[in-house]
C-alpha atoms as a PDB file:
ATOM      1  CA  MET A   1      -6.521  16.267  -7.762  1.00  0.00           C
ATOM      2  CA  GLN A   2      -6.801  19.861  -6.531  1.00  0.00           C
ATOM      3  CA  THR A   3      -3.807  19.851  -4.174  1.00  0.00           C
ATOM      4  CA  ASN A   4      -0.418  20.822  -5.611  1.00  0.00           C
ATOM      5  CA  VAL A   5       2.898  20.096  -3.919  1.00  0.00           C
ATOM      6  CA  ILE A   6       5.740  22.198  -5.316  1.00  0.00           C
ATOM      7  CA  LEU A   7       9.469  22.291  -4.548  1.00  0.00           C
ATOM      8  CA  SER A   8      11.732  25.264  -5.185  1.00  0.00           C
ATOM      9  CA  ILE A   9      15.147  26.420  -4.068  1.00  0.00           C
ATOM     10  CA  LYS A  10      15.582  30.015  -2.959  1.00  0.00           C
ATOM     11  CA  ASN A  11      19.113  31.262  -3.535  1.00  0.00           C
ATOM     12  CA  ARG A  12      19.586  33.110  -0.290  1.00  0.00           C
ATOM     13  CA  THR A  13      20.788  32.358   3.210  1.00  0.00           C
ATOM     14  CA  ILE A  14      19.121  33.433   6.432  1.00  0.00           C
ATOM     15  CA  SER A  15      20.679  33.701   9.874  1.00  0.00           C
ATOM     16  CA  ILE A  16      19.067  31.901  12.785  1.00  0.00           C
ATOM     17  CA  PRO A  17      18.411  33.466  15.187  1.00  0.00           C
ATOM     18  CA  TYR A  18      17.359  36.598  13.309  1.00  0.00           C
ATOM     19  CA  PRO A  19      16.648  40.027  14.845  1.00  0.00           C
ATOM     20  CA  VAL A  20      13.439  41.973  15.289  1.00  0.00           C
ATOM     21  CA  ALA A  21      12.472  43.791  12.081  1.00  0.00           C
ATOM     22  CA  GLU A  22      10.239  46.815  11.692  1.00  0.00           C
ATOM     23  CA  ARG A  23       7.424  46.077   9.249  1.00  0.00           C
ATOM     24  CA  GLU A  24       4.280  48.003   8.519  1.00  0.00           C
ATOM     25  CA  ASP A  25       2.376  45.010   7.123  1.00  0.00           C
ATOM     26  CA  SER A  26       2.726  42.665  10.124  1.00  0.00           C
ATOM     27  CA  PRO A  27       4.405  42.402  13.524  1.00  0.00           C
ATOM     28  CA  HIS A  28       7.818  40.717  13.437  1.00  0.00           C
ATOM     29  CA  ASN A  29       9.372  39.881  16.794  1.00  0.00           C
ATOM     30  CA  GLY A  30      12.504  38.203  15.498  1.00  0.00           C
ATOM     31  CA  PHE A  31      13.344  34.561  16.083  1.00  0.00           C
ATOM     32  CA  ILE A  32      11.776  33.047  19.187  1.00  0.00           C
ATOM     33  CA  PRO A  33      13.058  29.548  19.980  1.00  0.00           C
ATOM     34  CA  LEU A  34       9.965  27.421  20.573  1.00  0.00           C
ATOM     35  CA  LYS A  35      11.513  23.944  20.710  1.00  0.00           C
ATOM     36  CA  GLU A  36      10.067  22.204  23.783  1.00  0.00           C
ATOM     37  CA  ARG A  37       8.527  25.524  24.929  1.00  0.00           C
ATOM     38  CA  PRO A  38       4.767  25.304  24.287  1.00  0.00           C
ATOM     39  CA  ASP A  39       4.106  28.153  26.751  1.00  0.00           C
ATOM     40  CA  GLU A  40       5.988  30.534  24.413  1.00  0.00           C
ATOM     41  CA  VAL A  41       3.785  29.831  21.367  1.00  0.00           C
ATOM     42  CA  PRO A  42       1.047  32.372  22.293  1.00  0.00           C
ATOM     43  CA  ALA A  43       3.722  35.141  22.143  1.00  0.00           C
ATOM     44  CA  ILE A  44       3.941  34.702  18.357  1.00  0.00           C
ATOM     45  CA  PRO A  45       1.796  37.466  16.755  1.00  0.00           C
ATOM     46  CA  ALA A  46       0.641  35.273  13.837  1.00  0.00           C
ATOM     47  CA  VAL A  47      -1.124  32.801  16.152  1.00  0.00           C
ATOM     48  CA  GLU A  48      -3.156  35.316  18.165  1.00  0.00           C
ATOM     49  CA  ASP A  49      -6.339  34.652  16.216  1.00  0.00           C
ATOM     50  CA  ASN A  50      -5.554  31.290  14.624  1.00  0.00           C
ATOM     51  CA  ASP A  51      -5.795  28.066  16.616  1.00  0.00           C
ATOM     52  CA  ALA A  52      -4.619  25.898  13.698  1.00  0.00           C
ATOM     53  CA  LEU A  53      -1.326  27.787  13.430  1.00  0.00           C
ATOM     54  CA  LYS A  54      -0.920  27.833  17.218  1.00  0.00           C
ATOM     55  CA  GLN A  55      -1.453  24.070  17.364  1.00  0.00           C
ATOM     56  CA  ALA A  56       0.945  23.526  14.440  1.00  0.00           C
ATOM     57  CA  LEU A  57       3.759  25.419  16.181  1.00  0.00           C
ATOM     58  CA  THR A  58       3.185  23.432  19.356  1.00  0.00           C
ATOM     59  CA  MET A  59       3.174  20.101  17.507  1.00  0.00           C
ATOM     60  CA  ILE A  60       6.234  20.759  15.328  1.00  0.00           C
ATOM     61  CA  ASN A  61       8.277  22.042  18.293  1.00  0.00           C
ATOM     62  CA  ASP A  62       7.340  19.128  20.541  1.00  0.00           C
ATOM     63  CA  SER A  63      10.256  17.375  22.238  1.00  0.00           C
ATOM     64  CA  THR A  64       9.548  14.179  20.283  1.00  0.00           C
ATOM     65  CA  THR A  65       9.984  15.667  16.773  1.00  0.00           C
ATOM     66  CA  PRO A  66      13.246  16.235  14.864  1.00  0.00           C
ATOM     67  CA  PHE A  67      12.233  19.793  13.871  1.00  0.00           C
ATOM     68  CA  PHE A  68      12.020  23.326  15.207  1.00  0.00           C
ATOM     69  CA  THR A  69      10.085  26.199  13.660  1.00  0.00           C
ATOM     70  CA  VAL A  70      11.909  29.229  12.317  1.00  0.00           C
ATOM     71  CA  ALA A  71       9.021  31.530  11.368  1.00  0.00           C
ATOM     72  CA  CYS A  72       5.372  31.645  10.371  1.00  0.00           C
ATOM     73  CA  ARG A  73       2.937  34.058   8.810  1.00  0.00           C
ATOM     74  CA  LYS A  74      -0.653  34.144   7.634  1.00  0.00           C
ATOM     75  CA  SER A  75      -2.789  36.430   5.520  1.00  0.00           C
ATOM     76  CA  PHE A  76      -6.499  36.213   4.738  1.00  0.00           C
ATOM     77  CA  ASN A  77      -7.292  38.253   1.631  1.00  0.00           C
ATOM     78  CA  SER A  78     -10.140  39.441  -0.575  1.00  0.00           C
ATOM     79  CA  THR A  79     -10.410  41.029  -3.998  1.00  0.00           C
ATOM     80  CA  ASP A  80     -13.545  41.709  -6.022  1.00  0.00           C
ATOM     81  CA  GLY A  81     -15.697  39.256  -4.060  1.00  0.00           C
ATOM     82  CA  SER A  82     -13.111  36.454  -4.032  1.00  0.00           C
ATOM     83  CA  PHE A  83     -11.376  35.282  -0.881  1.00  0.00           C
ATOM     84  CA  TRP A  84      -8.142  33.351  -0.369  1.00  0.00           C
ATOM     85  CA  ALA A  85      -5.602  32.605   2.328  1.00  0.00           C
ATOM     86  CA  ARG A  86      -1.836  32.485   2.178  1.00  0.00           C
ATOM     87  CA  GLY A  87       0.851  31.954   4.746  1.00  0.00           C
ATOM     88  CA  TYR A  88       3.840  29.857   5.636  1.00  0.00           C
ATOM     89  CA  LEU A  89       5.492  27.662   8.214  1.00  0.00           C
ATOM     90  CA  GLU A  90       9.273  27.648   8.094  1.00  0.00           C
ATOM     91  CA  PHE A  91      11.137  24.900   9.895  1.00  0.00           C
ATOM     92  CA  SER A  92      14.483  23.179  10.101  1.00  0.00           C
ATOM     93  CA  PHE A  93      15.769  19.848  11.217  1.00  0.00           C
ATOM     94  CA  ASN A  94      16.939  20.385  14.802  1.00  0.00           C
ATOM     95  CA  TYR A  95      20.138  18.420  14.226  1.00  0.00           C
ATOM     96  CA  ILE A  96      22.968  19.968  12.236  1.00  0.00           C
ATOM     97  CA  GLU A  97      24.047  16.527  11.009  1.00  0.00           C
ATOM     98  CA  ILE A  98      20.676  16.364   9.195  1.00  0.00           C
ATOM     99  CA  ALA A  99      20.019  20.084   8.563  1.00  0.00           C
ATOM    100  CA  LYS A 100      23.354  20.559   6.764  1.00  0.00           C
ATOM    101  CA  ASP A 101      22.473  18.220   3.885  1.00  0.00           C
ATOM    102  CA  SER A 102      19.868  19.427   1.380  1.00  0.00           C
ATOM    103  CA  PRO A 103      18.994  15.869   0.212  1.00  0.00           C
ATOM    104  CA  ASN A 104      17.335  15.313   3.605  1.00  0.00           C
ATOM    105  CA  TYR A 105      14.851  18.065   2.742  1.00  0.00           C
ATOM    106  CA  PHE A 106      14.289  16.634  -0.747  1.00  0.00           C
ATOM    107  CA  LEU A 107      13.428  13.298   0.848  1.00  0.00           C
ATOM    108  CA  LEU A 108      11.047  15.019   3.266  1.00  0.00           C
ATOM    109  CA  PHE A 109       9.367  16.793   0.330  1.00  0.00           C
ATOM    110  CA  GLU A 110       8.952  13.486  -1.513  1.00  0.00           C
ATOM    111  CA  GLN A 111       7.524  11.842   1.608  1.00  0.00           C
ATOM    112  CA  PHE A 112       5.055  14.700   2.044  1.00  0.00           C
ATOM    113  CA  ASN A 113       3.934  14.386  -1.577  1.00  0.00           C
ATOM    114  CA  ARG A 114       3.345  10.657  -1.056  1.00  0.00           C
ATOM    115  CA  HIS A 115       1.468  11.438   2.168  1.00  0.00           C
ATOM    116  CA  VAL A 116      -0.850  13.819   0.292  1.00  0.00           C
ATOM    117  CA  LEU A 117      -1.642  11.083  -2.231  1.00  0.00           C
ATOM    118  CA  ALA A 118      -1.987   8.255   0.310  1.00  0.00           C
ATOM    119  CA  SER A 119      -4.261  10.381   2.522  1.00  0.00           C
ATOM    120  CA  ASN A 120      -6.448  11.463  -0.408  1.00  0.00           C
ATOM    121  CA  PHE A 121      -5.903  15.056   0.708  1.00  0.00           C
ATOM    122  CA  ASP A 122      -7.711  16.827  -2.099  1.00  0.00           C
ATOM    123  CA  LEU A 123      -8.390  20.445  -1.211  1.00  0.00           C
ATOM    124  CA  PRO A 124      -7.860  23.439  -3.526  1.00  0.00           C
ATOM    125  CA  VAL A 125      -4.518  24.433  -2.031  1.00  0.00           C
ATOM    126  CA  ASP A 126      -0.837  24.629  -2.958  1.00  0.00           C
ATOM    127  CA  PHE A 127       1.984  23.542  -0.647  1.00  0.00           C
ATOM    128  CA  LYS A 128       5.152  25.201  -1.943  1.00  0.00           C
ATOM    129  CA  PHE A 129       8.320  23.979  -0.228  1.00  0.00           C
ATOM    130  CA  GLU A 130      11.094  26.591  -0.525  1.00  0.00           C
ATOM    131  CA  LEU A 131      14.475  25.231   0.468  1.00  0.00           C
ATOM    132  CA  GLN A 132      16.982  27.908   1.459  1.00  0.00           C
ATOM    133  CA  GLY A 133      20.338  28.167   3.135  1.00  0.00           C
ATOM    134  CA  ALA A 134      20.623  28.904   6.840  1.00  0.00           C
ATOM    135  CA  ASN A 135      23.454  30.052   9.047  1.00  0.00           C
ATOM    136  CA  PHE A 136      22.865  28.700  12.550  1.00  0.00           C
ATOM    137  CA  THR A 137      24.835  31.306  14.485  1.00  0.00           C
ATOM    138  CA  ASP A 138      24.316  29.739  17.934  1.00  0.00           C
ATOM    139  CA  ILE A 139      26.342  26.701  16.858  1.00  0.00           C
ATOM    140  CA  THR A 140      28.393  28.319  14.058  1.00  0.00           C
ATOM    141  CA  ALA A 141      27.211  25.963  11.342  1.00  0.00           C
ATOM    142  CA  ASP A 142      25.509  26.153   7.966  1.00  0.00           C
ATOM    143  CA  GLY A 143      22.528  24.152   6.798  1.00  0.00           C
ATOM    144  CA  TYR A 144      19.051  24.601   5.371  1.00  0.00           C
ATOM    145  CA  THR A 145      15.461  25.384   6.243  1.00  0.00           C
ATOM    146  CA  ALA A 146      12.208  24.596   4.477  1.00  0.00           C
ATOM    147  CA  CYS A 147       9.617  27.336   4.203  1.00  0.00           C
ATOM    148  CA  VAL A 148       6.272  25.796   3.245  1.00  0.00           C
ATOM    149  CA  TRP A 149       3.947  28.343   1.675  1.00  0.00           C
ATOM    150  CA  ILE A 150       0.304  27.305   1.915  1.00  0.00           C
ATOM    151  CA  THR A 151      -1.939  29.131  -0.558  1.00  0.00           C
ATOM    152  CA  THR A 152      -5.610  28.367  -1.103  1.00  0.00           C
ATOM    153  CA  ALA A 153      -7.578  28.789  -4.283  1.00  0.00           C
ATOM    154  CA  GLU A 154     -10.107  31.621  -4.417  1.00  0.00           C
ATOM    155  CA  PHE A 155     -13.441  31.081  -2.649  1.00  0.00           C
ATOM    156  CA  PRO A 156     -16.775  32.923  -2.782  1.00  0.00           C
ATOM    157  CA  THR A 157     -16.612  33.364   1.033  1.00  0.00           C
ATOM    158  CA  MET A 158     -13.833  34.002   3.535  1.00  0.00           C
ATOM    159  CA  GLU A 159     -15.115  31.054   5.546  1.00  0.00           C
ATOM    160  CA  GLY A 160     -14.171  28.660   2.724  1.00  0.00           C
ATOM    161  CA  ALA A 161     -10.644  30.072   2.430  1.00  0.00           C
ATOM    162  CA  TYR A 162     -10.154  30.104   6.205  1.00  0.00           C
ATOM    163  CA  LYS A 163     -11.373  26.523   6.626  1.00  0.00           C
ATOM    164  CA  THR A 164      -9.218  25.178   3.776  1.00  0.00           C
ATOM    165  CA  TRP A 165      -6.094  26.998   4.975  1.00  0.00           C
ATOM    166  CA  ASN A 166      -6.548  25.792   8.554  1.00  0.00           C
ATOM    167  CA  GLN A 167      -7.092  22.192   7.416  1.00  0.00           C
ATOM    168  CA  SER A 168      -3.939  22.431   5.309  1.00  0.00           C
ATOM    169  CA  VAL A 169      -1.861  23.808   8.192  1.00  0.00           C
ATOM    170  CA  ARG A 170      -3.078  20.977  10.423  1.00  0.00           C
ATOM    171  CA  PHE A 171      -2.305  18.418   7.711  1.00  0.00           C
ATOM    172  CA  LEU A 172       1.293  19.653   7.402  1.00  0.00           C
ATOM    173  CA  ALA A 173       1.745  19.751  11.195  1.00  0.00           C
ATOM    174  CA  ASP A 174       0.358  16.223  11.570  1.00  0.00           C
ATOM    175  CA  PHE A 175       2.816  15.016   8.933  1.00  0.00           C
ATOM    176  CA  LEU A 176       5.849  16.688  10.523  1.00  0.00           C
ATOM    177  CA  SER A 177       4.933  15.632  14.055  1.00  0.00           C
ATOM    178  CA  GLY A 178       4.917  11.995  12.935  1.00  0.00           C
ATOM    179  CA  PHE A 179       8.724  11.893  12.689  1.00  0.00           C
ATOM    180  CA  GLU A 180      10.828  10.843  15.665  1.00  0.00           C
ATOM    181  CA  LYS A 181      13.944  12.646  16.803  1.00  0.00           C
ATOM    182  CA  PRO A 182      17.277  10.878  16.292  1.00  0.00           C
ATOM    183  CA  PRO A 183      19.944  10.322  18.974  1.00  0.00           C
ATOM    184  CA  LEU A 184      22.064  13.308  17.866  1.00  0.00           C
ATOM    185  CA  PRO A 185      23.094  16.621  19.484  1.00  0.00           C
ATOM    186  CA  ALA A 186      20.264  19.152  19.059  1.00  0.00           C
ATOM    187  CA  ILE A 187      20.539  22.738  17.859  1.00  0.00           C
ATOM    188  CA  TYR A 188      17.752  23.879  20.224  1.00  0.00           C
ATOM    189  CA  GLU A 189      16.427  22.290  23.405  1.00  0.00           C
ATOM    190  CA  GLY A 190      13.821  23.463  25.919  1.00  0.00           C
END
């Protein structure tokens, strides 16, 4: 099997929403709430030239899912004739009763790993789930997010890296969009 699914815990806490940050390497507009707002997705700089990421944000933030996206990023790279892609989708449960307990993310990770195996998803790519603390300032509560880094192996062409990364993003989005929202108070609504 070429696909690796990895879990790690990052010992830091982020605030959501977070402010605009000046970066030379990529535009960063700060947190934009996309839950139930598909018309806002094109405003995210990372999706301007990537339909797979645009579709993923729309799917994960759909009104029927229990998640909202926190951030995303992509990078298509080359070195010495080798090409690879790397980026992430960060999301949270949209319900503080679920988002506040880290075991809910561990269960989600385990379910994703099983989904990879059951689907025979066998591309040269790593899915690295980074669990980290989050301070949801709009509701004055603490919880967690999951930042899923998607990193391809090296390819002889950029087309191979691009195709594998996009398929992997779609696979993750399909998985997350398959969950139904619970009857609980939401953190973000449209």
